[in-house]
Amino acid sequence: MKAKKIIVSLTAFALMMVMTLSVAATSDTQTTTLEIDVESTYTLSIPKSQNIVFEVATTDIGEVKMEGNIRLDEEIIVDVTRTEFESLDDPADKIDYTLTLSGEETEFVGAVWSESSLYSGTATIYPLTVNITQQEWDNARAGNYKSVITFTAKIYKVTQ
């Protein structure tokens, strides 16, 4: 029995030595790759809903501004559309206006923000003004009117 224990012990020891030798003789390097995809995001801030005062030619309504984190090959384009003021009593009655940047006369129809301006914190802020001519005010019938300004933002790939 004692001899059997010695043989089993020697066999186990021999197996450990063989296993140790084979592991020590083998070199195996493996790697794991980790990736992160930081998605492009943005926040568009637009003027709040408000009332325009009767017979005021120029009304500052607030700013359009953009904050975000987008890829180097992207830009954010905001398209702006608007409706005329339409009478809630008679949709045929309308008051037209222009939406401009404060102090300018050209209709504001949108803006573009680049990755570099967003990342550096120097993104342009656009102050908006509603301009209604005296002729439009003179032709306006009594009643409540409503206009809707729509700001549509989308990320585009920059083509070079």
N, C-alpha and C. Protein backbone atom coordinates (compact mmCIF):
# COMPACT_ATOMS: atom_id res chain seq x y z
N MET A 1 0.82 -1.18 0.00
CA MET A 1 0.00 0.00 0.00
C MET A 1 0.87 1.25 0.00
N LYS A 2 1.98 1.16 0.83
CA LYS A 2 2.88 2.29 0.89
C LYS A 2 3.54 2.50 -0.46
N ALA A 3 3.85 1.47 -1.14
CA ALA A 3 4.47 1.57 -2.45
C ALA A 3 3.49 2.18 -3.45
N LYS A 4 2.23 1.82 -3.31
CA LYS A 4 1.22 2.37 -4.22
C LYS A 4 1.10 3.88 -4.03
N LYS A 5 1.16 4.33 -2.76
CA LYS A 5 1.09 5.77 -2.46
C LYS A 5 2.29 6.49 -3.03
N ILE A 6 3.43 5.88 -2.95
CA ILE A 6 4.65 6.50 -3.48
C ILE A 6 4.57 6.59 -4.99
N ILE A 7 4.08 5.56 -5.65
CA ILE A 7 3.96 5.56 -7.12
C ILE A 7 2.95 6.62 -7.55
N VAL A 8 1.84 6.72 -6.86
CA VAL A 8 0.82 7.72 -7.20
C VAL A 8 1.40 9.11 -6.98
N SER A 9 2.14 9.30 -5.88
CA SER A 9 2.73 10.61 -5.62
C SER A 9 3.76 10.97 -6.67
N LEU A 10 4.60 10.02 -7.05
CA LEU A 10 5.61 10.27 -8.08
C LEU A 10 4.97 10.54 -9.44
N THR A 11 3.93 9.81 -9.73
CA THR A 11 3.21 10.03 -11.00
C THR A 11 2.60 11.42 -11.02
N ALA A 12 1.98 11.83 -9.94
CA ALA A 12 1.39 13.16 -9.85
C ALA A 12 2.45 14.24 -9.97
N PHE A 13 3.59 14.00 -9.28
CA PHE A 13 4.69 14.96 -9.36
C PHE A 13 5.24 15.05 -10.79
N ALA A 14 5.38 13.93 -11.45
CA ALA A 14 5.87 13.90 -12.83
C ALA A 14 4.91 14.63 -13.76
N LEU A 15 3.64 14.41 -13.57
CA LEU A 15 2.64 15.11 -14.41
C LEU A 15 2.70 16.62 -14.19
N MET A 16 2.86 17.05 -12.96
CA MET A 16 2.97 18.48 -12.67
C MET A 16 4.20 19.08 -13.33
N MET A 17 5.28 18.34 -13.32
CA MET A 17 6.51 18.83 -13.94
C MET A 17 6.34 18.95 -15.45
N VAL A 18 5.68 17.97 -16.05
CA VAL A 18 5.45 18.02 -17.50
C VAL A 18 4.54 19.20 -17.83
N MET A 19 3.49 19.36 -17.04
CA MET A 19 2.56 20.46 -17.29
C MET A 19 3.25 21.80 -17.06
N THR A 20 4.04 21.89 -16.06
CA THR A 20 4.76 23.12 -15.78
C THR A 20 5.74 23.42 -16.90
N LEU A 21 6.41 22.41 -17.36
CA LEU A 21 7.38 22.62 -18.43
C LEU A 21 6.69 23.05 -19.71
N SER A 22 5.56 22.45 -20.02
CA SER A 22 4.89 22.81 -21.27
C SER A 22 4.31 24.23 -21.19
N VAL A 23 3.83 24.64 -20.06
CA VAL A 23 3.32 26.01 -19.90
C VAL A 23 4.47 27.00 -19.95
N ALA A 24 5.56 26.65 -19.30
CA ALA A 24 6.70 27.55 -19.29
C ALA A 24 7.31 27.67 -20.68
N ALA A 25 7.19 26.66 -21.50
CA ALA A 25 7.78 26.69 -22.83
C ALA A 25 6.88 27.40 -23.83
N THR A 26 5.63 27.65 -23.50
CA THR A 26 4.68 28.27 -24.42
C THR A 26 4.47 29.73 -24.03
N SER A 27 4.45 30.61 -25.01
CA SER A 27 4.15 32.02 -24.78
C SER A 27 2.92 32.37 -25.59
N ASP A 28 1.93 32.98 -24.96
CA ASP A 28 0.67 33.30 -25.64
C ASP A 28 0.27 34.71 -25.24
N THR A 29 0.16 35.60 -26.21
CA THR A 29 -0.27 36.96 -25.94
C THR A 29 -1.61 37.18 -26.63
N GLN A 30 -2.55 37.66 -25.89
CA GLN A 30 -3.86 37.97 -26.44
C GLN A 30 -4.23 39.39 -26.04
N THR A 31 -5.04 40.02 -26.87
CA THR A 31 -5.44 41.40 -26.57
C THR A 31 -6.95 41.52 -26.61
N THR A 32 -7.43 42.54 -25.95
CA THR A 32 -8.83 42.91 -25.98
C THR A 32 -8.90 44.35 -26.45
N THR A 33 -9.76 44.62 -27.40
CA THR A 33 -9.94 45.98 -27.90
C THR A 33 -11.20 46.57 -27.29
N LEU A 34 -11.09 47.77 -26.78
CA LEU A 34 -12.23 48.50 -26.24
C LEU A 34 -12.50 49.70 -27.13
N GLU A 35 -13.75 49.95 -27.42
CA GLU A 35 -14.12 51.10 -28.26
C GLU A 35 -15.23 51.89 -27.59
N ILE A 36 -15.27 53.16 -27.91
CA ILE A 36 -16.34 54.04 -27.43
C ILE A 36 -16.86 54.82 -28.63
N ASP A 37 -18.15 54.91 -28.75
CA ASP A 37 -18.76 55.75 -29.78
C ASP A 37 -19.54 56.85 -29.08
N VAL A 38 -18.96 58.04 -29.05
CA VAL A 38 -19.64 59.19 -28.45
C VAL A 38 -20.53 59.77 -29.54
N GLU A 39 -21.81 59.62 -29.36
CA GLU A 39 -22.76 60.07 -30.39
C GLU A 39 -22.85 61.60 -30.41
N SER A 40 -23.12 62.13 -31.59
CA SER A 40 -23.33 63.56 -31.74
C SER A 40 -24.64 63.95 -31.07
N THR A 41 -24.58 65.04 -30.31
CA THR A 41 -25.78 65.55 -29.65
C THR A 41 -25.79 67.07 -29.73
N TYR A 42 -26.97 67.65 -29.63
CA TYR A 42 -27.06 69.11 -29.61
C TYR A 42 -28.33 69.53 -28.90
N THR A 43 -28.32 70.79 -28.47
CA THR A 43 -29.50 71.42 -27.89
C THR A 43 -29.73 72.73 -28.62
N LEU A 44 -30.89 72.86 -29.22
CA LEU A 44 -31.28 74.08 -29.92
C LEU A 44 -32.20 74.87 -29.00
N SER A 45 -31.84 76.13 -28.75
CA SER A 45 -32.68 77.02 -27.94
C SER A 45 -33.30 78.06 -28.86
N ILE A 46 -34.62 78.22 -28.73
CA ILE A 46 -35.35 79.16 -29.58
C ILE A 46 -36.14 80.14 -28.71
N PRO A 47 -36.61 81.25 -29.30
CA PRO A 47 -37.40 82.19 -28.52
C PRO A 47 -38.68 81.54 -28.00
N LYS A 48 -39.11 81.98 -26.83
CA LYS A 48 -40.35 81.46 -26.25
C LYS A 48 -41.56 82.08 -26.96
N SER A 49 -42.70 81.44 -26.81
CA SER A 49 -43.95 81.99 -27.36
C SER A 49 -44.24 83.30 -26.63
N GLN A 50 -44.78 84.27 -27.37
CA GLN A 50 -45.01 85.58 -26.78
C GLN A 50 -46.03 86.38 -27.59
N ASN A 51 -46.45 87.49 -27.03
CA ASN A 51 -47.40 88.38 -27.70
C ASN A 51 -46.66 89.55 -28.32
N ILE A 52 -47.08 89.91 -29.51
CA ILE A 52 -46.55 91.10 -30.20
C ILE A 52 -47.54 92.24 -29.92
N VAL A 53 -47.00 93.39 -29.57
CA VAL A 53 -47.85 94.54 -29.24
C VAL A 53 -48.33 95.23 -30.52
N PHE A 54 -49.62 95.53 -30.58
CA PHE A 54 -50.23 96.19 -31.73
C PHE A 54 -49.53 97.51 -32.02
N GLU A 55 -49.26 97.74 -33.30
CA GLU A 55 -48.66 98.94 -33.87
C GLU A 55 -47.20 99.17 -33.49
N VAL A 56 -46.53 98.15 -33.01
CA VAL A 56 -45.09 98.24 -32.77
C VAL A 56 -44.40 97.67 -34.01
N ALA A 57 -43.56 98.47 -34.63
CA ALA A 57 -42.95 98.08 -35.90
C ALA A 57 -41.89 96.99 -35.75
N THR A 58 -41.11 97.07 -34.68
CA THR A 58 -39.99 96.14 -34.49
C THR A 58 -40.03 95.57 -33.08
N THR A 59 -40.06 94.25 -32.99
CA THR A 59 -40.10 93.59 -31.68
C THR A 59 -39.00 92.53 -31.62
N ASP A 60 -38.10 92.69 -30.65
CA ASP A 60 -37.09 91.66 -30.42
C ASP A 60 -37.78 90.49 -29.72
N ILE A 61 -37.65 89.30 -30.29
CA ILE A 61 -38.37 88.16 -29.73
C ILE A 61 -37.46 87.15 -29.02
N GLY A 62 -36.16 87.35 -29.06
CA GLY A 62 -35.25 86.43 -28.39
C GLY A 62 -34.18 85.90 -29.32
N GLU A 63 -33.47 84.90 -28.85
CA GLU A 63 -32.31 84.40 -29.59
C GLU A 63 -32.47 82.94 -29.99
N VAL A 64 -31.77 82.61 -31.07
CA VAL A 64 -31.59 81.21 -31.47
C VAL A 64 -30.14 80.89 -31.16
N LYS A 65 -29.93 79.83 -30.38
CA LYS A 65 -28.56 79.44 -30.09
C LYS A 65 -28.45 77.93 -30.06
N MET A 66 -27.23 77.47 -30.22
CA MET A 66 -26.95 76.05 -30.32
C MET A 66 -25.82 75.68 -29.38
N GLU A 67 -25.98 74.56 -28.70
CA GLU A 67 -24.90 73.96 -27.91
C GLU A 67 -24.83 72.51 -28.33
N GLY A 68 -23.64 71.95 -28.33
CA GLY A 68 -23.58 70.55 -28.71
C GLY A 68 -22.18 70.01 -28.83
N ASN A 69 -22.15 68.73 -29.18
CA ASN A 69 -20.91 68.00 -29.39
C ASN A 69 -21.13 67.12 -30.61
N ILE A 70 -20.55 67.52 -31.73
CA ILE A 70 -20.72 66.77 -32.96
C ILE A 70 -19.36 66.36 -33.51
N ARG A 71 -19.35 65.45 -34.45
CA ARG A 71 -18.11 64.96 -35.05
C ARG A 71 -17.46 66.04 -35.92
N LEU A 72 -16.15 65.89 -36.13
CA LEU A 72 -15.39 66.85 -36.94
C LEU A 72 -15.96 67.02 -38.35
N ASP A 73 -16.52 65.94 -38.92
CA ASP A 73 -17.01 66.00 -40.29
C ASP A 73 -18.51 66.29 -40.36
N GLU A 74 -19.05 66.90 -39.30
CA GLU A 74 -20.48 67.23 -39.27
C GLU A 74 -20.70 68.71 -39.01
N GLU A 75 -21.90 69.16 -39.35
CA GLU A 75 -22.36 70.50 -39.02
C GLU A 75 -23.86 70.40 -38.75
N ILE A 76 -24.36 71.38 -38.01
CA ILE A 76 -25.80 71.42 -37.73
C ILE A 76 -26.39 72.57 -38.52
N ILE A 77 -27.41 72.25 -39.30
CA ILE A 77 -28.10 73.27 -40.08
C ILE A 77 -29.51 73.41 -39.51
N VAL A 78 -29.89 74.65 -39.25
CA VAL A 78 -31.24 74.95 -38.76
C VAL A 78 -31.96 75.73 -39.85
N ASP A 79 -33.06 75.17 -40.32
CA ASP A 79 -33.91 75.87 -41.29
C ASP A 79 -35.07 76.51 -40.53
N VAL A 80 -35.42 77.72 -40.95
CA VAL A 80 -36.49 78.47 -40.28
C VAL A 80 -37.58 78.80 -41.29
N THR A 81 -38.80 78.44 -40.95
CA THR A 81 -39.96 78.81 -41.76
C THR A 81 -40.96 79.49 -40.84
N ARG A 82 -41.84 80.27 -41.43
CA ARG A 82 -42.83 80.98 -40.63
C ARG A 82 -44.13 81.12 -41.41
N THR A 83 -45.19 81.32 -40.69
CA THR A 83 -46.47 81.64 -41.32
C THR A 83 -46.77 83.11 -41.08
N GLU A 84 -47.61 83.68 -41.90
CA GLU A 84 -48.10 85.02 -41.62
C GLU A 84 -48.96 84.96 -40.37
N PHE A 85 -49.17 86.11 -39.73
CA PHE A 85 -50.17 86.14 -38.67
C PHE A 85 -51.52 85.92 -39.34
N GLU A 86 -52.27 84.97 -38.82
CA GLU A 86 -53.58 84.65 -39.38
C GLU A 86 -54.64 84.90 -38.31
N SER A 87 -55.72 85.54 -38.72
CA SER A 87 -56.80 85.85 -37.78
C SER A 87 -57.43 84.55 -37.28
N LEU A 88 -57.64 84.48 -35.97
CA LEU A 88 -58.33 83.32 -35.41
C LEU A 88 -59.83 83.40 -35.66
N ASP A 89 -60.32 84.61 -36.01
CA ASP A 89 -61.74 84.80 -36.30
C ASP A 89 -62.05 84.53 -37.77
N ASP A 90 -61.17 84.99 -38.66
CA ASP A 90 -61.36 84.82 -40.10
C ASP A 90 -59.99 84.55 -40.73
N PRO A 91 -59.70 83.29 -41.06
CA PRO A 91 -58.38 82.94 -41.61
C PRO A 91 -57.99 83.71 -42.87
N ALA A 92 -58.92 84.37 -43.50
CA ALA A 92 -58.58 85.18 -44.67
C ALA A 92 -57.86 86.47 -44.27
N ASP A 93 -58.05 86.91 -43.04
CA ASP A 93 -57.38 88.12 -42.55
C ASP A 93 -55.98 87.76 -42.08
N LYS A 94 -54.99 88.45 -42.65
CA LYS A 94 -53.60 88.13 -42.33
C LYS A 94 -52.80 89.42 -42.10
N ILE A 95 -51.75 89.28 -41.32
CA ILE A 95 -50.78 90.36 -41.13
C ILE A 95 -49.42 89.75 -41.48
N ASP A 96 -48.76 90.32 -42.49
CA ASP A 96 -47.46 89.80 -42.89
C ASP A 96 -46.35 90.49 -42.09
N TYR A 97 -45.22 89.86 -42.01
CA TYR A 97 -44.07 90.42 -41.29
C TYR A 97 -42.80 89.79 -41.85
N THR A 98 -41.68 90.36 -41.44
CA THR A 98 -40.39 89.72 -41.74
C THR A 98 -39.75 89.32 -40.42
N LEU A 99 -39.03 88.22 -40.48
CA LEU A 99 -38.25 87.75 -39.35
C LEU A 99 -36.80 87.98 -39.73
N THR A 100 -36.13 88.83 -38.97
CA THR A 100 -34.75 89.19 -39.31
C THR A 100 -33.85 89.06 -38.08
N LEU A 101 -32.56 89.13 -38.35
CA LEU A 101 -31.62 89.29 -37.25
C LEU A 101 -31.74 90.73 -36.77
N SER A 102 -31.59 90.96 -35.49
CA SER A 102 -31.71 92.31 -34.95
C SER A 102 -30.80 93.27 -35.70
N GLY A 103 -31.37 94.37 -36.15
CA GLY A 103 -30.62 95.40 -36.84
C GLY A 103 -30.40 95.13 -38.33
N GLU A 104 -30.93 94.05 -38.86
CA GLU A 104 -30.78 93.75 -40.28
C GLU A 104 -32.13 93.75 -40.98
N GLU A 105 -32.09 93.77 -42.30
CA GLU A 105 -33.32 93.81 -43.07
C GLU A 105 -33.61 92.50 -43.81
N THR A 106 -32.61 91.67 -43.98
CA THR A 106 -32.77 90.43 -44.73
C THR A 106 -33.51 89.39 -43.90
N GLU A 107 -34.45 88.70 -44.54
CA GLU A 107 -35.22 87.65 -43.87
C GLU A 107 -34.28 86.57 -43.33
N PHE A 108 -34.49 86.19 -42.09
CA PHE A 108 -33.69 85.12 -41.48
C PHE A 108 -34.36 83.78 -41.81
N VAL A 109 -33.62 82.92 -42.52
CA VAL A 109 -34.19 81.63 -42.93
C VAL A 109 -33.42 80.44 -42.36
N GLY A 110 -32.39 80.72 -41.57
CA GLY A 110 -31.66 79.61 -40.96
C GLY A 110 -30.22 79.94 -40.66
N ALA A 111 -29.53 78.94 -40.10
CA ALA A 111 -28.15 79.13 -39.70
C ALA A 111 -27.42 77.79 -39.72
N VAL A 112 -26.08 77.89 -39.67
CA VAL A 112 -25.22 76.70 -39.68
C VAL A 112 -24.23 76.82 -38.53
N TRP A 113 -24.07 75.73 -37.80
CA TRP A 113 -23.08 75.66 -36.73
C TRP A 113 -22.10 74.55 -37.05
N SER A 114 -20.81 74.85 -36.98
CA SER A 114 -19.75 73.87 -37.26
C SER A 114 -19.31 73.19 -35.96
N GLU A 115 -18.61 72.09 -36.11
CA GLU A 115 -18.07 71.37 -34.94
C GLU A 115 -17.11 72.26 -34.18
N SER A 116 -16.25 72.99 -34.91
CA SER A 116 -15.23 73.80 -34.23
C SER A 116 -15.87 74.93 -33.41
N SER A 117 -16.93 75.54 -33.92
CA SER A 117 -17.56 76.62 -33.15
C SER A 117 -18.29 76.08 -31.92
N LEU A 118 -18.90 74.92 -32.04
CA LEU A 118 -19.58 74.32 -30.89
C LEU A 118 -18.57 73.87 -29.84
N TYR A 119 -17.51 73.22 -30.28
CA TYR A 119 -16.52 72.67 -29.35
C TYR A 119 -15.76 73.77 -28.62
N SER A 120 -15.48 74.85 -29.32
CA SER A 120 -14.70 75.94 -28.70
C SER A 120 -15.57 76.88 -27.86
N GLY A 121 -16.88 76.72 -27.95
CA GLY A 121 -17.77 77.59 -27.20
C GLY A 121 -17.98 78.95 -27.84
N THR A 122 -17.61 79.08 -29.12
CA THR A 122 -17.77 80.37 -29.81
C THR A 122 -18.93 80.33 -30.81
N ALA A 123 -19.87 79.42 -30.62
CA ALA A 123 -20.99 79.30 -31.55
C ALA A 123 -21.79 80.61 -31.59
N THR A 124 -22.16 81.00 -32.79
CA THR A 124 -22.90 82.25 -32.99
C THR A 124 -24.29 82.16 -32.37
N ILE A 125 -24.69 83.24 -31.76
CA ILE A 125 -26.04 83.39 -31.22
C ILE A 125 -26.76 84.39 -32.13
N TYR A 126 -27.98 84.05 -32.52
CA TYR A 126 -28.73 84.88 -33.47
C TYR A 126 -29.92 85.54 -32.78
N PRO A 127 -29.83 86.87 -32.53
CA PRO A 127 -30.97 87.59 -31.95
C PRO A 127 -32.00 87.89 -33.05
N LEU A 128 -33.26 87.55 -32.80
CA LEU A 128 -34.30 87.68 -33.83
C LEU A 128 -35.26 88.83 -33.55
N THR A 129 -35.73 89.41 -34.65
CA THR A 129 -36.67 90.53 -34.59
C THR A 129 -37.83 90.28 -35.54
N VAL A 130 -39.03 90.61 -35.07
CA VAL A 130 -40.23 90.60 -35.93
C VAL A 130 -40.46 92.04 -36.36
N ASN A 131 -40.60 92.23 -37.68
CA ASN A 131 -40.81 93.58 -38.25
C ASN A 131 -42.15 93.61 -38.98
N ILE A 132 -43.02 94.50 -38.54
CA ILE A 132 -44.33 94.65 -39.18
C ILE A 132 -44.46 96.09 -39.66
N THR A 133 -44.72 96.25 -40.93
CA THR A 133 -44.79 97.61 -41.51
C THR A 133 -46.07 98.32 -41.04
N GLN A 134 -46.02 99.64 -41.13
CA GLN A 134 -47.19 100.44 -40.76
C GLN A 134 -48.37 100.11 -41.67
N GLN A 135 -48.10 99.83 -42.93
CA GLN A 135 -49.18 99.48 -43.87
C GLN A 135 -49.88 98.19 -43.41
N GLU A 136 -49.14 97.22 -42.95
CA GLU A 136 -49.75 95.99 -42.44
C GLU A 136 -50.62 96.28 -41.22
N TRP A 137 -50.11 97.14 -40.32
CA TRP A 137 -50.91 97.50 -39.15
C TRP A 137 -52.18 98.25 -39.55
N ASP A 138 -52.05 99.16 -40.51
CA ASP A 138 -53.21 99.94 -40.96
C ASP A 138 -54.28 99.05 -41.58
N ASN A 139 -53.87 97.97 -42.24
CA ASN A 139 -54.82 97.08 -42.92
C ASN A 139 -55.35 95.96 -42.02
N ALA A 140 -54.84 95.86 -40.81
CA ALA A 140 -55.24 94.77 -39.92
C ALA A 140 -56.64 95.00 -39.36
N ARG A 141 -57.46 93.98 -39.47
CA ARG A 141 -58.80 94.03 -38.88
C ARG A 141 -58.69 93.64 -37.40
N ALA A 142 -59.61 94.11 -36.61
CA ALA A 142 -59.63 93.79 -35.19
C ALA A 142 -59.75 92.27 -34.99
N GLY A 143 -59.09 91.76 -33.97
CA GLY A 143 -59.17 90.33 -33.67
C GLY A 143 -57.84 89.79 -33.19
N ASN A 144 -57.83 88.53 -32.90
CA ASN A 144 -56.62 87.85 -32.46
C ASN A 144 -55.97 87.14 -33.64
N TYR A 145 -54.66 87.22 -33.71
CA TYR A 145 -53.89 86.63 -34.80
C TYR A 145 -52.82 85.70 -34.23
N LYS A 146 -52.45 84.75 -35.04
CA LYS A 146 -51.41 83.80 -34.61
C LYS A 146 -50.48 83.50 -35.78
N SER A 147 -49.18 83.45 -35.47
CA SER A 147 -48.15 83.04 -36.43
C SER A 147 -47.32 81.95 -35.78
N VAL A 148 -46.80 81.07 -36.60
CA VAL A 148 -45.95 79.99 -36.10
C VAL A 148 -44.60 80.07 -36.80
N ILE A 149 -43.54 80.07 -36.00
CA ILE A 149 -42.18 80.01 -36.54
C ILE A 149 -41.66 78.61 -36.22
N THR A 150 -41.18 77.91 -37.24
CA THR A 150 -40.69 76.54 -37.07
C THR A 150 -39.19 76.50 -37.30
N PHE A 151 -38.49 75.93 -36.34
CA PHE A 151 -37.03 75.78 -36.41
C PHE A 151 -36.75 74.28 -36.56
N THR A 152 -36.16 73.89 -37.67
CA THR A 152 -35.86 72.48 -37.92
C THR A 152 -34.35 72.29 -37.96
N ALA A 153 -33.83 71.53 -37.00
CA ALA A 153 -32.39 71.30 -36.90
C ALA A 153 -32.07 69.89 -37.36
N LYS A 154 -30.93 69.77 -38.06
CA LYS A 154 -30.49 68.46 -38.52
C LYS A 154 -28.97 68.45 -38.64
N ILE A 155 -28.38 67.30 -38.32
CA ILE A 155 -26.93 67.14 -38.47
C ILE A 155 -26.65 66.62 -39.87
N TYR A 156 -25.69 67.27 -40.54
CA TYR A 156 -25.28 66.87 -41.89
C TYR A 156 -23.79 66.57 -41.90
N LYS A 157 -23.38 65.66 -42.79
CA LYS A 157 -21.97 65.42 -43.04
C LYS A 157 -21.44 66.58 -43.87
N VAL A 158 -20.25 67.05 -43.53
CA VAL A 158 -19.62 68.12 -44.28
C VAL A 158 -18.94 67.52 -45.50
N THR A 159 -19.24 68.08 -46.67
CA THR A 159 -18.58 67.61 -47.89
C THR A 159 -17.41 68.54 -48.17
N GLN A 160 -16.30 67.92 -48.58
CA GLN A 160 -15.11 68.76 -48.80
C GLN A 160 -14.74 68.84 -50.24
